[in-house]
Amino acid sequence: MAEQKVITISKDMALADRISVVSREITQWLESLEEPFNMELDVMRLAKCEGNGAYIYHYVIDRSVR
């Protein structure tokens, strides 16, 4: 499974709904990783955010950085 995730959300969606959708997508992504996400060592970060007709969030996992 990739160590990066791109989530695209419609700009027409309400803020609370966007937050819920992104949270759900991230949770599913982390649960599907072949190498489990280690809360003590790994860091997930928002690498890029675009907003041209839709919100496009680019997340990445940096392993063992802490």
N, C-alpha and C. Protein backbone atom coordinates (compact mmCIF):
# COMPACT_ATOMS: atom_id res chain seq x y z
N MET A 1 0.85 -1.18 0.00
CA MET A 1 0.00 0.00 0.00
C MET A 1 0.90 1.24 0.00
N ALA A 2 0.50 2.24 -0.70
CA ALA A 2 1.29 3.47 -0.83
C ALA A 2 1.38 4.21 0.50
N GLU A 3 2.47 4.93 0.65
CA GLU A 3 2.67 5.73 1.85
C GLU A 3 2.20 7.16 1.62
N GLN A 4 1.33 7.33 0.66
CA GLN A 4 0.74 8.64 0.40
C GLN A 4 -0.71 8.46 0.03
N LYS A 5 -1.50 9.49 0.24
CA LYS A 5 -2.93 9.43 -0.03
C LYS A 5 -3.38 10.79 -0.53
N VAL A 6 -4.17 10.79 -1.60
CA VAL A 6 -4.75 12.01 -2.12
C VAL A 6 -6.25 11.91 -1.92
N ILE A 7 -6.83 12.93 -1.30
CA ILE A 7 -8.26 12.97 -1.04
C ILE A 7 -8.82 14.20 -1.73
N THR A 8 -9.84 13.99 -2.57
CA THR A 8 -10.48 15.09 -3.30
C THR A 8 -11.90 15.26 -2.78
N ILE A 9 -12.23 16.48 -2.39
CA ILE A 9 -13.54 16.80 -1.82
C ILE A 9 -14.13 17.99 -2.57
N SER A 10 -15.42 17.92 -2.85
CA SER A 10 -16.11 19.00 -3.55
C SER A 10 -16.12 20.27 -2.70
N LYS A 11 -15.91 21.40 -3.34
CA LYS A 11 -15.98 22.68 -2.63
C LYS A 11 -17.40 23.03 -2.21
N ASP A 12 -18.39 22.36 -2.81
CA ASP A 12 -19.78 22.61 -2.47
C ASP A 12 -20.18 21.96 -1.15
N MET A 13 -19.37 21.04 -0.66
CA MET A 13 -19.68 20.32 0.57
C MET A 13 -19.46 21.23 1.78
N ALA A 14 -20.33 21.14 2.75
CA ALA A 14 -20.21 21.94 3.98
C ALA A 14 -18.93 21.56 4.73
N LEU A 15 -18.39 22.51 5.47
CA LEU A 15 -17.13 22.30 6.19
C LEU A 15 -17.18 21.07 7.10
N ALA A 16 -18.23 20.94 7.90
CA ALA A 16 -18.35 19.81 8.82
C ALA A 16 -18.35 18.48 8.06
N ASP A 17 -19.01 18.45 6.91
CA ASP A 17 -19.05 17.24 6.09
C ASP A 17 -17.68 16.94 5.49
N ARG A 18 -16.96 17.98 5.05
CA ARG A 18 -15.61 17.79 4.51
C ARG A 18 -14.69 17.19 5.57
N ILE A 19 -14.78 17.72 6.77
CA ILE A 19 -13.94 17.22 7.87
C ILE A 19 -14.26 15.75 8.14
N SER A 20 -15.53 15.40 8.17
CA SER A 20 -15.93 14.00 8.41
C SER A 20 -15.43 13.07 7.32
N VAL A 21 -15.57 13.49 6.06
CA VAL A 21 -15.14 12.65 4.94
C VAL A 21 -13.63 12.45 4.97
N VAL A 22 -12.87 13.52 5.18
CA VAL A 22 -11.41 13.40 5.22
C VAL A 22 -10.98 12.53 6.39
N SER A 23 -11.59 12.72 7.55
CA SER A 23 -11.26 11.91 8.72
C SER A 23 -11.52 10.43 8.45
N ARG A 24 -12.65 10.12 7.86
CA ARG A 24 -13.00 8.73 7.54
C ARG A 24 -12.01 8.14 6.53
N GLU A 25 -11.67 8.91 5.50
CA GLU A 25 -10.71 8.43 4.47
C GLU A 25 -9.35 8.15 5.09
N ILE A 26 -8.88 9.04 5.96
CA ILE A 26 -7.57 8.85 6.60
C ILE A 26 -7.59 7.62 7.49
N THR A 27 -8.65 7.46 8.27
CA THR A 27 -8.76 6.29 9.14
C THR A 27 -8.72 5.00 8.34
N GLN A 28 -9.49 4.94 7.26
CA GLN A 28 -9.51 3.74 6.41
C GLN A 28 -8.14 3.49 5.80
N TRP A 29 -7.48 4.55 5.37
CA TRP A 29 -6.15 4.42 4.77
C TRP A 29 -5.16 3.86 5.78
N LEU A 30 -5.12 4.44 6.98
CA LEU A 30 -4.18 3.98 8.00
C LEU A 30 -4.44 2.53 8.38
N GLU A 31 -5.71 2.13 8.44
CA GLU A 31 -6.05 0.75 8.79
C GLU A 31 -5.68 -0.23 7.68
N SER A 32 -5.56 0.24 6.44
CA SER A 32 -5.28 -0.64 5.31
C SER A 32 -3.79 -0.80 5.00
N LEU A 33 -2.94 -0.07 5.69
CA LEU A 33 -1.50 -0.14 5.42
C LEU A 33 -0.95 -1.53 5.71
N GLU A 34 -0.05 -2.01 4.86
CA GLU A 34 0.60 -3.31 5.09
C GLU A 34 1.47 -3.24 6.34
N GLU A 35 2.25 -2.19 6.46
CA GLU A 35 3.04 -1.96 7.67
C GLU A 35 2.22 -1.02 8.55
N PRO A 36 1.77 -1.49 9.72
CA PRO A 36 0.90 -0.66 10.56
C PRO A 36 1.53 0.69 10.90
N PHE A 37 0.68 1.68 11.02
CA PHE A 37 1.10 3.02 11.41
C PHE A 37 1.46 2.99 12.89
N ASN A 38 2.67 3.41 13.23
CA ASN A 38 3.14 3.42 14.61
C ASN A 38 3.00 4.83 15.16
N MET A 39 2.07 5.02 16.08
CA MET A 39 1.78 6.35 16.62
C MET A 39 2.99 6.96 17.34
N GLU A 40 3.90 6.11 17.84
CA GLU A 40 5.05 6.62 18.58
C GLU A 40 6.21 7.02 17.67
N LEU A 41 6.31 6.42 16.49
CA LEU A 41 7.46 6.66 15.62
C LEU A 41 7.12 7.36 14.30
N ASP A 42 5.96 7.05 13.74
CA ASP A 42 5.59 7.55 12.42
C ASP A 42 4.85 8.89 12.51
N VAL A 43 4.95 9.65 11.44
CA VAL A 43 4.27 10.94 11.36
C VAL A 43 3.48 10.99 10.06
N MET A 44 2.21 11.36 10.15
CA MET A 44 1.42 11.61 8.96
C MET A 44 1.28 13.12 8.85
N ARG A 45 1.50 13.63 7.64
CA ARG A 45 1.42 15.08 7.48
C ARG A 45 0.72 15.44 6.18
N LEU A 46 0.16 16.62 6.17
CA LEU A 46 -0.43 17.18 4.96
C LEU A 46 0.70 17.79 4.16
N ALA A 47 1.00 17.20 3.01
CA ALA A 47 2.12 17.66 2.19
C ALA A 47 1.73 18.78 1.25
N LYS A 48 0.46 18.79 0.84
CA LYS A 48 0.03 19.78 -0.14
C LYS A 48 -1.48 19.89 -0.09
N CYS A 49 -1.99 21.09 -0.33
CA CYS A 49 -3.43 21.31 -0.40
C CYS A 49 -3.71 22.20 -1.60
N GLU A 50 -4.60 21.74 -2.48
CA GLU A 50 -4.96 22.50 -3.66
C GLU A 50 -6.45 22.84 -3.59
N GLY A 51 -6.86 23.86 -4.31
CA GLY A 51 -8.26 24.24 -4.29
C GLY A 51 -8.72 24.85 -5.59
N ASN A 52 -8.78 24.07 -6.64
CA ASN A 52 -9.22 24.57 -7.93
C ASN A 52 -10.46 23.79 -8.36
N GLY A 53 -11.64 24.24 -7.94
CA GLY A 53 -12.87 23.53 -8.24
C GLY A 53 -13.21 22.47 -7.21
N ALA A 54 -12.19 21.99 -6.49
CA ALA A 54 -12.36 21.00 -5.43
C ALA A 54 -11.19 21.16 -4.47
N TYR A 55 -11.37 20.67 -3.26
CA TYR A 55 -10.26 20.65 -2.31
C TYR A 55 -9.51 19.34 -2.53
N ILE A 56 -8.21 19.42 -2.75
CA ILE A 56 -7.39 18.23 -2.97
C ILE A 56 -6.29 18.23 -1.91
N TYR A 57 -6.36 17.23 -1.02
CA TYR A 57 -5.41 17.12 0.07
C TYR A 57 -4.44 15.98 -0.22
N HIS A 58 -3.14 16.24 -0.08
CA HIS A 58 -2.09 15.24 -0.31
C HIS A 58 -1.45 14.93 1.04
N TYR A 59 -1.67 13.72 1.54
CA TYR A 59 -1.10 13.30 2.81
C TYR A 59 0.03 12.30 2.56
N VAL A 60 1.05 12.34 3.40
CA VAL A 60 2.15 11.38 3.33
C VAL A 60 2.49 10.88 4.73
N ILE A 61 3.08 9.70 4.78
CA ILE A 61 3.56 9.14 6.04
C ILE A 61 5.08 9.14 6.01
N ASP A 62 5.67 9.70 7.04
CA ASP A 62 7.12 9.64 7.24
C ASP A 62 7.35 8.61 8.34
N ARG A 63 8.05 7.56 8.00
CA ARG A 63 8.27 6.46 8.95
C ARG A 63 9.44 6.72 9.87
N SER A 64 9.25 6.39 11.14
CA SER A 64 10.30 6.41 12.17
C SER A 64 11.06 7.72 12.23
N VAL A 65 10.34 8.82 12.28
CA VAL A 65 11.00 10.12 12.33
C VAL A 65 11.08 10.70 13.74
N ARG A 66 10.41 10.11 14.67
CA ARG A 66 10.45 10.63 16.05
C ARG A 66 11.51 9.93 16.85
